[in-house]
Amino acid sequence: MEFDSRVRQRFPPGSSEDDLKAELAKQGFKLAEYDGVHDATLYRGWIVKAMWSVRWKSQYGRITDLWGVFGYKAP
């Protein structure tokens, strides 16, 4: 919940999608898009990996909805 709160605070609805993408790419997030939802994910770790993911929807270059997901990925 803390990661989600930080993401929403930094890029509230109406923020520039290009600014969001640039910041996430600078931090090493990998960008993708699935069914109209944009996704930027970063993994850290060896066997069990911590995962940070920022997901959002946009219209006309502006963020309309955004949420952050934190969790772990294991084999």
N, C-alpha and C. Protein backbone atom coordinates (compact mmCIF):
# COMPACT_ATOMS: atom_id res chain seq x y z
N MET A 1 0.81 -1.19 0.00
CA MET A 1 0.00 0.00 0.00
C MET A 1 0.86 1.26 0.00
N GLU A 2 2.02 1.19 0.64
CA GLU A 2 2.89 2.36 0.70
C GLU A 2 3.42 2.71 -0.69
N PHE A 3 3.83 1.70 -1.46
CA PHE A 3 4.32 1.96 -2.82
C PHE A 3 3.21 2.58 -3.66
N ASP A 4 2.02 2.06 -3.58
CA ASP A 4 0.88 2.59 -4.32
C ASP A 4 0.66 4.06 -3.96
N SER A 5 0.71 4.37 -2.69
CA SER A 5 0.50 5.74 -2.22
C SER A 5 1.57 6.68 -2.77
N ARG A 6 2.82 6.24 -2.75
CA ARG A 6 3.91 7.07 -3.25
C ARG A 6 3.78 7.34 -4.75
N VAL A 7 3.40 6.32 -5.49
CA VAL A 7 3.24 6.45 -6.94
C VAL A 7 2.11 7.44 -7.25
N ARG A 8 1.00 7.30 -6.57
CA ARG A 8 -0.15 8.18 -6.81
C ARG A 8 0.15 9.63 -6.42
N GLN A 9 0.94 9.79 -5.37
CA GLN A 9 1.29 11.13 -4.92
C GLN A 9 2.23 11.80 -5.92
N ARG A 10 3.17 11.05 -6.45
CA ARG A 10 4.16 11.61 -7.39
C ARG A 10 3.55 11.90 -8.75
N PHE A 11 2.62 11.07 -9.22
CA PHE A 11 2.00 11.24 -10.53
C PHE A 11 0.47 11.14 -10.42
N PRO A 12 -0.17 12.18 -9.91
CA PRO A 12 -1.63 12.15 -9.78
C PRO A 12 -2.31 12.21 -11.14
N PRO A 13 -3.59 11.87 -11.21
CA PRO A 13 -4.33 11.97 -12.47
C PRO A 13 -4.16 13.36 -13.08
N GLY A 14 -3.97 13.36 -14.40
CA GLY A 14 -3.72 14.61 -15.12
C GLY A 14 -2.26 14.86 -15.39
N SER A 15 -1.37 14.10 -14.71
CA SER A 15 0.06 14.25 -14.94
C SER A 15 0.43 13.78 -16.34
N SER A 16 1.56 14.24 -16.82
CA SER A 16 2.05 13.88 -18.14
C SER A 16 2.49 12.41 -18.18
N GLU A 17 1.96 11.68 -19.13
CA GLU A 17 2.36 10.29 -19.31
C GLU A 17 3.82 10.21 -19.74
N ASP A 18 4.27 11.14 -20.58
CA ASP A 18 5.67 11.15 -21.02
C ASP A 18 6.62 11.35 -19.84
N ASP A 19 6.26 12.22 -18.90
CA ASP A 19 7.09 12.43 -17.71
C ASP A 19 7.17 11.16 -16.87
N LEU A 20 6.04 10.48 -16.72
CA LEU A 20 6.00 9.23 -15.97
C LEU A 20 6.90 8.19 -16.64
N LYS A 21 6.76 8.01 -17.94
CA LYS A 21 7.57 7.02 -18.66
C LYS A 21 9.06 7.33 -18.56
N ALA A 22 9.41 8.59 -18.69
CA ALA A 22 10.83 8.99 -18.62
C ALA A 22 11.40 8.69 -17.23
N GLU A 23 10.65 9.01 -16.20
CA GLU A 23 11.12 8.75 -14.83
C GLU A 23 11.28 7.26 -14.57
N LEU A 24 10.30 6.47 -15.00
CA LEU A 24 10.37 5.03 -14.77
C LEU A 24 11.52 4.40 -15.56
N ALA A 25 11.72 4.82 -16.80
CA ALA A 25 12.83 4.29 -17.62
C ALA A 25 14.17 4.66 -16.98
N LYS A 26 14.28 5.87 -16.46
CA LYS A 26 15.51 6.32 -15.79
C LYS A 26 15.84 5.44 -14.59
N GLN A 27 14.80 4.96 -13.92
CA GLN A 27 15.00 4.13 -12.73
C GLN A 27 15.17 2.64 -13.07
N GLY A 28 15.10 2.29 -14.36
CA GLY A 28 15.34 0.91 -14.76
C GLY A 28 14.10 0.06 -14.95
N PHE A 29 12.92 0.65 -14.90
CA PHE A 29 11.69 -0.10 -15.13
C PHE A 29 11.58 -0.47 -16.60
N LYS A 30 11.04 -1.64 -16.87
CA LYS A 30 10.77 -2.11 -18.23
C LYS A 30 9.32 -1.80 -18.58
N LEU A 31 9.12 -1.09 -19.69
CA LEU A 31 7.79 -0.63 -20.08
C LEU A 31 7.10 -1.61 -21.02
N ALA A 32 5.79 -1.77 -20.84
CA ALA A 32 4.97 -2.64 -21.70
C ALA A 32 3.54 -2.10 -21.70
N GLU A 33 2.71 -2.69 -22.57
CA GLU A 33 1.29 -2.33 -22.60
C GLU A 33 0.48 -3.58 -22.90
N TYR A 34 -0.60 -3.77 -22.14
CA TYR A 34 -1.48 -4.92 -22.29
C TYR A 34 -2.93 -4.47 -22.26
N ASP A 35 -3.64 -4.66 -23.33
CA ASP A 35 -5.08 -4.34 -23.38
C ASP A 35 -5.40 -2.93 -22.88
N GLY A 36 -4.62 -1.95 -23.31
CA GLY A 36 -4.89 -0.57 -22.94
C GLY A 36 -4.38 -0.15 -21.58
N VAL A 37 -3.76 -1.06 -20.85
CA VAL A 37 -3.16 -0.74 -19.56
C VAL A 37 -1.65 -0.73 -19.74
N HIS A 38 -1.02 0.37 -19.37
CA HIS A 38 0.43 0.48 -19.45
C HIS A 38 1.03 -0.12 -18.19
N ASP A 39 2.21 -0.68 -18.33
CA ASP A 39 2.86 -1.36 -17.21
C ASP A 39 4.34 -1.06 -17.25
N ALA A 40 4.91 -0.78 -16.10
CA ALA A 40 6.36 -0.62 -15.96
C ALA A 40 6.76 -1.43 -14.74
N THR A 41 7.65 -2.40 -14.93
CA THR A 41 8.00 -3.31 -13.85
C THR A 41 9.50 -3.37 -13.65
N LEU A 42 9.89 -3.50 -12.39
CA LEU A 42 11.29 -3.60 -11.99
C LEU A 42 11.42 -4.77 -11.03
N TYR A 43 12.38 -5.66 -11.30
CA TYR A 43 12.66 -6.81 -10.43
C TYR A 43 14.05 -6.65 -9.83
N ARG A 44 14.20 -7.04 -8.56
CA ARG A 44 15.49 -7.07 -7.89
C ARG A 44 15.57 -8.33 -7.06
N GLY A 45 16.71 -9.02 -7.13
CA GLY A 45 16.93 -10.21 -6.34
C GLY A 45 17.40 -11.36 -7.19
N TRP A 46 17.72 -12.48 -6.55
CA TRP A 46 18.23 -13.65 -7.27
C TRP A 46 17.16 -14.72 -7.40
N ILE A 47 16.93 -15.45 -6.33
CA ILE A 47 15.97 -16.56 -6.40
C ILE A 47 14.56 -16.03 -6.17
N VAL A 48 14.37 -15.38 -5.04
CA VAL A 48 13.10 -14.70 -4.79
C VAL A 48 13.32 -13.24 -5.15
N LYS A 49 12.53 -12.76 -6.08
CA LYS A 49 12.73 -11.39 -6.58
C LYS A 49 11.65 -10.46 -6.06
N ALA A 50 12.08 -9.31 -5.59
CA ALA A 50 11.13 -8.25 -5.24
C ALA A 50 10.67 -7.62 -6.55
N MET A 51 9.39 -7.28 -6.62
CA MET A 51 8.83 -6.71 -7.84
C MET A 51 8.09 -5.42 -7.50
N TRP A 52 8.43 -4.37 -8.24
CA TRP A 52 7.71 -3.11 -8.17
C TRP A 52 7.09 -2.92 -9.54
N SER A 53 5.81 -2.62 -9.60
CA SER A 53 5.13 -2.44 -10.87
C SER A 53 4.22 -1.21 -10.78
N VAL A 54 4.34 -0.35 -11.79
CA VAL A 54 3.47 0.82 -11.90
C VAL A 54 2.58 0.57 -13.11
N ARG A 55 1.30 0.69 -12.90
CA ARG A 55 0.33 0.45 -13.99
C ARG A 55 -0.57 1.67 -14.11
N TRP A 56 -0.91 2.00 -15.35
CA TRP A 56 -1.73 3.18 -15.55
C TRP A 56 -2.50 3.13 -16.86
N LYS A 57 -3.51 3.99 -16.90
CA LYS A 57 -4.28 4.23 -18.12
C LYS A 57 -4.10 5.71 -18.45
N SER A 58 -4.18 6.02 -19.72
CA SER A 58 -4.00 7.41 -20.12
C SER A 58 -4.90 7.74 -21.30
N GLN A 59 -5.08 9.04 -21.48
CA GLN A 59 -5.83 9.54 -22.61
C GLN A 59 -5.22 10.89 -22.99
N TYR A 60 -4.95 11.05 -24.28
CA TYR A 60 -4.37 12.29 -24.81
C TYR A 60 -3.09 12.69 -24.08
N GLY A 61 -2.26 11.69 -23.72
CA GLY A 61 -0.97 11.97 -23.09
C GLY A 61 -1.02 12.31 -21.62
N ARG A 62 -2.19 12.15 -21.00
CA ARG A 62 -2.36 12.45 -19.58
C ARG A 62 -2.83 11.21 -18.84
N ILE A 63 -2.32 11.02 -17.64
CA ILE A 63 -2.68 9.87 -16.82
C ILE A 63 -4.12 10.04 -16.33
N THR A 64 -4.92 9.00 -16.54
CA THR A 64 -6.31 9.03 -16.05
C THR A 64 -6.49 8.14 -14.82
N ASP A 65 -5.68 7.11 -14.70
CA ASP A 65 -5.74 6.19 -13.55
C ASP A 65 -4.36 5.59 -13.38
N LEU A 66 -3.93 5.41 -12.14
CA LEU A 66 -2.57 4.93 -11.87
C LEU A 66 -2.57 4.18 -10.56
N TRP A 67 -1.81 3.08 -10.50
CA TRP A 67 -1.67 2.34 -9.25
C TRP A 67 -0.31 1.64 -9.23
N GLY A 68 0.18 1.41 -8.03
CA GLY A 68 1.45 0.75 -7.84
C GLY A 68 1.24 -0.59 -7.16
N VAL A 69 2.06 -1.57 -7.57
CA VAL A 69 1.96 -2.92 -7.02
C VAL A 69 3.36 -3.34 -6.56
N PHE A 70 3.45 -3.84 -5.33
CA PHE A 70 4.70 -4.37 -4.82
C PHE A 70 4.46 -5.80 -4.38
N GLY A 71 5.40 -6.67 -4.69
CA GLY A 71 5.27 -8.06 -4.27
C GLY A 71 6.55 -8.82 -4.51
N TYR A 72 6.45 -10.14 -4.46
CA TYR A 72 7.60 -11.01 -4.66
C TYR A 72 7.28 -12.05 -5.72
N LYS A 73 8.31 -12.44 -6.44
CA LYS A 73 8.17 -13.47 -7.47
C LYS A 73 9.19 -14.57 -7.14
N ALA A 74 8.69 -15.78 -7.05
CA ALA A 74 9.56 -16.91 -6.74
C ALA A 74 9.38 -17.99 -7.83
N PRO A 75 10.41 -18.81 -8.00
CA PRO A 75 10.30 -19.86 -9.04
C PRO A 75 9.20 -20.86 -8.75
